[in-house]
Amino acid sequence: MTESIKQVAKRYDVTVATLHYYDEIGLLPRLTRDPHGYRQFTDADCSDLEMIICLRHLGLGVKEIASVMQPAVDADARQLKLALIEKQKQRLLAQQVDLQMGLLMITIKAQIYSHPDMPSKVHARKAIRQFVQARLRPQAPPVALTATLAGNREAAWFMAGDVAVIDRAVRLYQTVQ
């Protein structure tokens, strides 16, 4: 089954011009055309387009996407692709920490505005305690929260992805005295 470029543009919320551009620069190399010359998208083309859109949303440029989308024909090409993917992964993990800290700050501000009768430091410390507590593994010892907030955390108490955000939250907790 094939779909027209207008149908695909609507389904993926991109412009027809964007799809033309992706085709012209070779990001969609398997596109076929109907007898009238209109581009037709197969399921495989749509799958490629989903990958392209995802990579664009993750911040990769068109040249980087083209590099990732090309088949890796040798070990050197695979290593370059792996390095590019790892670099992007690290950038996204850093963004994830920033987003989690942003959500924590919003929580603190919401508590402050909801209860103006309490000092903002009390709200901040309470929100940070809850934030850290929510990330503790179930098998963490009872002293884990107190020790972590004092700066003596054990990595095993948290999921590996949470360690960076916990470190930032603890630094914030320690500054709000």
Protein backbone atom coordinates (compact mmCIF):
# COMPACT_ATOMS: atom_id res chain seq x y z
CA MET A 1 0.00 0.00 0.00
CA THR A 2 1.25 3.50 -0.79
CA GLU A 3 0.23 6.95 0.36
CA SER A 4 0.46 10.30 -1.34
CA ILE A 5 2.82 12.98 -0.15
CA LYS A 6 -0.13 15.06 1.10
CA GLN A 7 -1.43 12.16 3.19
CA VAL A 8 2.00 11.53 4.69
CA ALA A 9 2.58 15.23 5.37
CA LYS A 10 -0.72 15.43 7.22
CA ARG A 11 -0.13 12.23 9.18
CA TYR A 12 3.35 13.28 10.35
CA ASP A 13 2.56 16.98 10.71
CA VAL A 14 5.26 18.13 8.31
CA THR A 15 4.98 20.23 5.20
CA VAL A 16 4.96 18.85 1.69
CA ALA A 17 7.96 21.11 1.01
CA THR A 18 9.87 19.41 3.84
CA LEU A 19 9.15 16.00 2.33
CA HIS A 20 10.26 17.25 -1.10
CA TYR A 21 13.48 18.51 0.48
CA TYR A 22 14.15 15.23 2.28
CA ASP A 23 13.64 13.40 -1.00
CA GLU A 24 15.87 15.80 -2.98
CA ILE A 25 18.79 15.49 -0.55
CA GLY A 26 18.51 11.71 -0.45
CA LEU A 27 17.06 11.09 3.00
CA LEU A 28 14.21 9.13 1.42
CA PRO A 29 16.04 7.25 -1.35
CA ARG A 30 13.43 4.57 -2.01
CA LEU A 31 10.51 6.86 -2.81
CA THR A 32 8.69 5.81 -5.94
CA ARG A 33 6.49 7.88 -8.20
CA ASP A 34 3.10 7.16 -9.68
CA PRO A 35 2.48 7.39 -13.44
CA HIS A 36 1.87 11.14 -13.07
CA GLY A 37 5.21 11.71 -11.33
CA TYR A 38 3.83 12.20 -7.82
CA ARG A 39 5.84 10.79 -4.92
CA GLN A 40 4.40 7.70 -3.26
CA PHE A 41 5.27 6.56 0.26
CA THR A 42 5.40 2.90 1.24
CA ASP A 43 5.39 1.61 4.83
CA ALA A 44 9.20 1.40 4.65
CA ASP A 45 9.40 5.05 3.52
CA CYS A 46 7.14 6.08 6.40
CA SER A 47 9.34 4.15 8.80
CA ASP A 48 12.38 6.03 7.49
CA LEU A 49 10.48 9.30 7.81
CA GLU A 50 9.61 8.54 11.43
CA MET A 51 13.32 8.02 12.16
CA ILE A 52 14.21 11.26 10.37
CA ILE A 53 11.58 13.24 12.29
CA CYS A 54 12.70 11.73 15.58
CA LEU A 55 16.34 12.56 14.88
CA ARG A 56 15.40 16.13 13.89
CA HIS A 57 13.47 16.56 17.16
CA LEU A 58 16.52 15.30 19.01
CA GLY A 59 18.59 18.07 17.48
CA LEU A 60 20.53 16.31 14.73
CA GLY A 61 21.19 18.28 11.59
CA VAL A 62 20.25 17.04 8.16
CA LYS A 63 23.83 16.03 7.34
CA GLU A 64 24.10 14.04 10.58
CA ILE A 65 20.78 12.37 9.85
CA ALA A 66 21.96 11.46 6.36
CA SER A 67 25.06 9.93 7.89
CA VAL A 68 23.04 7.89 10.38
CA MET A 69 20.54 6.77 7.73
CA GLN A 70 23.18 5.53 5.27
CA PRO A 71 24.03 1.84 5.58
CA ALA A 72 27.32 1.21 7.37
CA VAL A 73 29.43 -0.69 4.84
CA ASP A 74 32.56 -1.15 6.94
CA ALA A 75 33.86 -1.07 10.50
CA ASP A 76 35.04 2.55 10.24
CA ALA A 77 31.61 3.73 9.13
CA ARG A 78 29.96 1.81 11.97
CA GLN A 79 32.35 3.37 14.49
CA LEU A 80 31.59 6.88 13.19
CA LYS A 81 27.86 6.21 13.45
CA LEU A 82 28.22 4.80 16.95
CA ALA A 83 30.24 7.84 18.03
CA LEU A 84 27.59 10.19 16.63
CA ILE A 85 24.80 8.28 18.35
CA GLU A 86 26.68 8.19 21.68
CA LYS A 87 27.36 11.94 21.49
CA GLN A 88 23.67 12.57 20.92
CA LYS A 89 22.73 10.22 23.75
CA GLN A 90 24.96 12.12 26.18
CA ARG A 91 23.47 15.43 25.07
CA LEU A 92 19.95 14.07 25.65
CA LEU A 93 20.85 12.72 29.08
CA ALA A 94 22.13 16.17 30.04
CA GLN A 95 18.90 17.70 28.77
CA GLN A 96 16.94 15.16 30.79
CA VAL A 97 18.70 16.30 33.97
CA ASP A 98 17.95 19.93 33.09
CA LEU A 99 14.28 19.09 32.51
CA GLN A 100 13.99 17.22 35.80
CA MET A 101 15.59 20.11 37.66
CA GLY A 102 13.23 22.50 35.89
CA LEU A 103 10.28 20.44 37.05
CA LEU A 104 11.64 20.47 40.60
CA MET A 105 11.97 24.26 40.51
CA ILE A 106 8.39 24.57 39.23
CA THR A 107 7.21 22.34 42.08
CA ILE A 108 9.02 24.53 44.58
CA LYS A 109 7.51 27.71 43.13
CA ALA A 110 4.03 26.18 43.08
CA GLN A 111 4.33 25.30 46.78
CA ILE A 112 5.59 28.78 47.61
CA TYR A 113 2.69 30.44 45.78
CA SER A 114 0.14 28.02 47.26
CA HIS A 115 1.29 28.63 50.83
CA PRO A 116 2.64 32.19 51.13
CA ASP A 117 2.46 32.03 54.92
CA MET A 118 5.48 29.66 55.10
CA PRO A 119 9.05 30.76 54.34
CA SER A 120 10.14 29.79 50.83
CA LYS A 121 13.14 27.89 52.23
CA VAL A 122 10.78 25.50 54.00
CA HIS A 123 8.96 24.82 50.73
CA ALA A 124 12.18 24.33 48.82
CA ARG A 125 13.65 21.89 51.31
CA LYS A 126 10.36 19.95 51.52
CA ALA A 127 10.06 19.69 47.72
CA ILE A 128 13.68 18.60 47.34
CA ARG A 129 13.27 15.97 50.07
CA GLN A 130 10.21 14.59 48.25
CA PHE A 131 12.05 14.72 44.91
CA VAL A 132 15.01 12.73 46.25
CA GLN A 133 12.78 10.33 48.21
CA ALA A 134 10.79 9.52 45.06
CA ARG A 135 14.01 8.45 43.32
CA LEU A 136 15.29 6.14 46.04
CA ARG A 137 15.24 2.46 45.18
CA PRO A 138 12.96 0.36 47.41
CA GLN A 139 15.96 -1.53 48.83
CA ALA A 140 17.73 1.67 49.94
CA PRO A 141 18.30 1.75 53.71
CA PRO A 142 16.18 4.01 55.94
CA VAL A 143 19.08 6.45 56.34
CA ALA A 144 19.45 6.90 52.56
CA LEU A 145 17.44 10.11 52.31
CA THR A 146 19.15 11.85 55.23
CA ALA A 147 22.61 10.70 54.16
CA THR A 148 22.02 11.75 50.55
CA LEU A 149 20.82 15.22 51.52
CA ALA A 150 23.91 15.56 53.71
CA GLY A 151 26.05 14.80 50.67
CA ASN A 152 26.87 11.18 51.50
CA ARG A 153 24.93 9.30 48.86
CA GLU A 154 25.57 5.81 47.59
CA ALA A 155 25.03 5.33 43.85
CA ALA A 156 23.35 1.98 44.52
CA TRP A 157 20.49 3.79 46.26
CA PHE A 158 19.37 5.33 42.94
CA MET A 159 18.82 4.29 39.36
CA ALA A 160 21.95 5.04 37.32
CA GLY A 161 20.16 7.72 35.28
CA ASP A 162 19.10 9.57 38.42
CA VAL A 163 22.55 10.11 39.93
CA ALA A 164 23.30 13.35 38.05
CA VAL A 165 19.94 14.92 38.90
CA ILE A 166 20.23 13.78 42.53
CA ASP A 167 23.65 15.45 42.78
CA ARG A 168 22.19 18.72 41.47
CA ALA A 169 19.16 18.50 43.77
CA VAL A 170 21.40 17.90 46.78
CA ARG A 171 23.56 20.92 45.89
CA LEU A 172 20.37 22.98 45.72
CA TYR A 173 19.15 21.53 49.04
CA GLN A 174 22.43 22.42 50.72
CA THR A 175 22.28 26.01 49.47
CA VAL A 176 18.76 26.51 50.81
CA GLN A 177 19.60 26.69 54.51
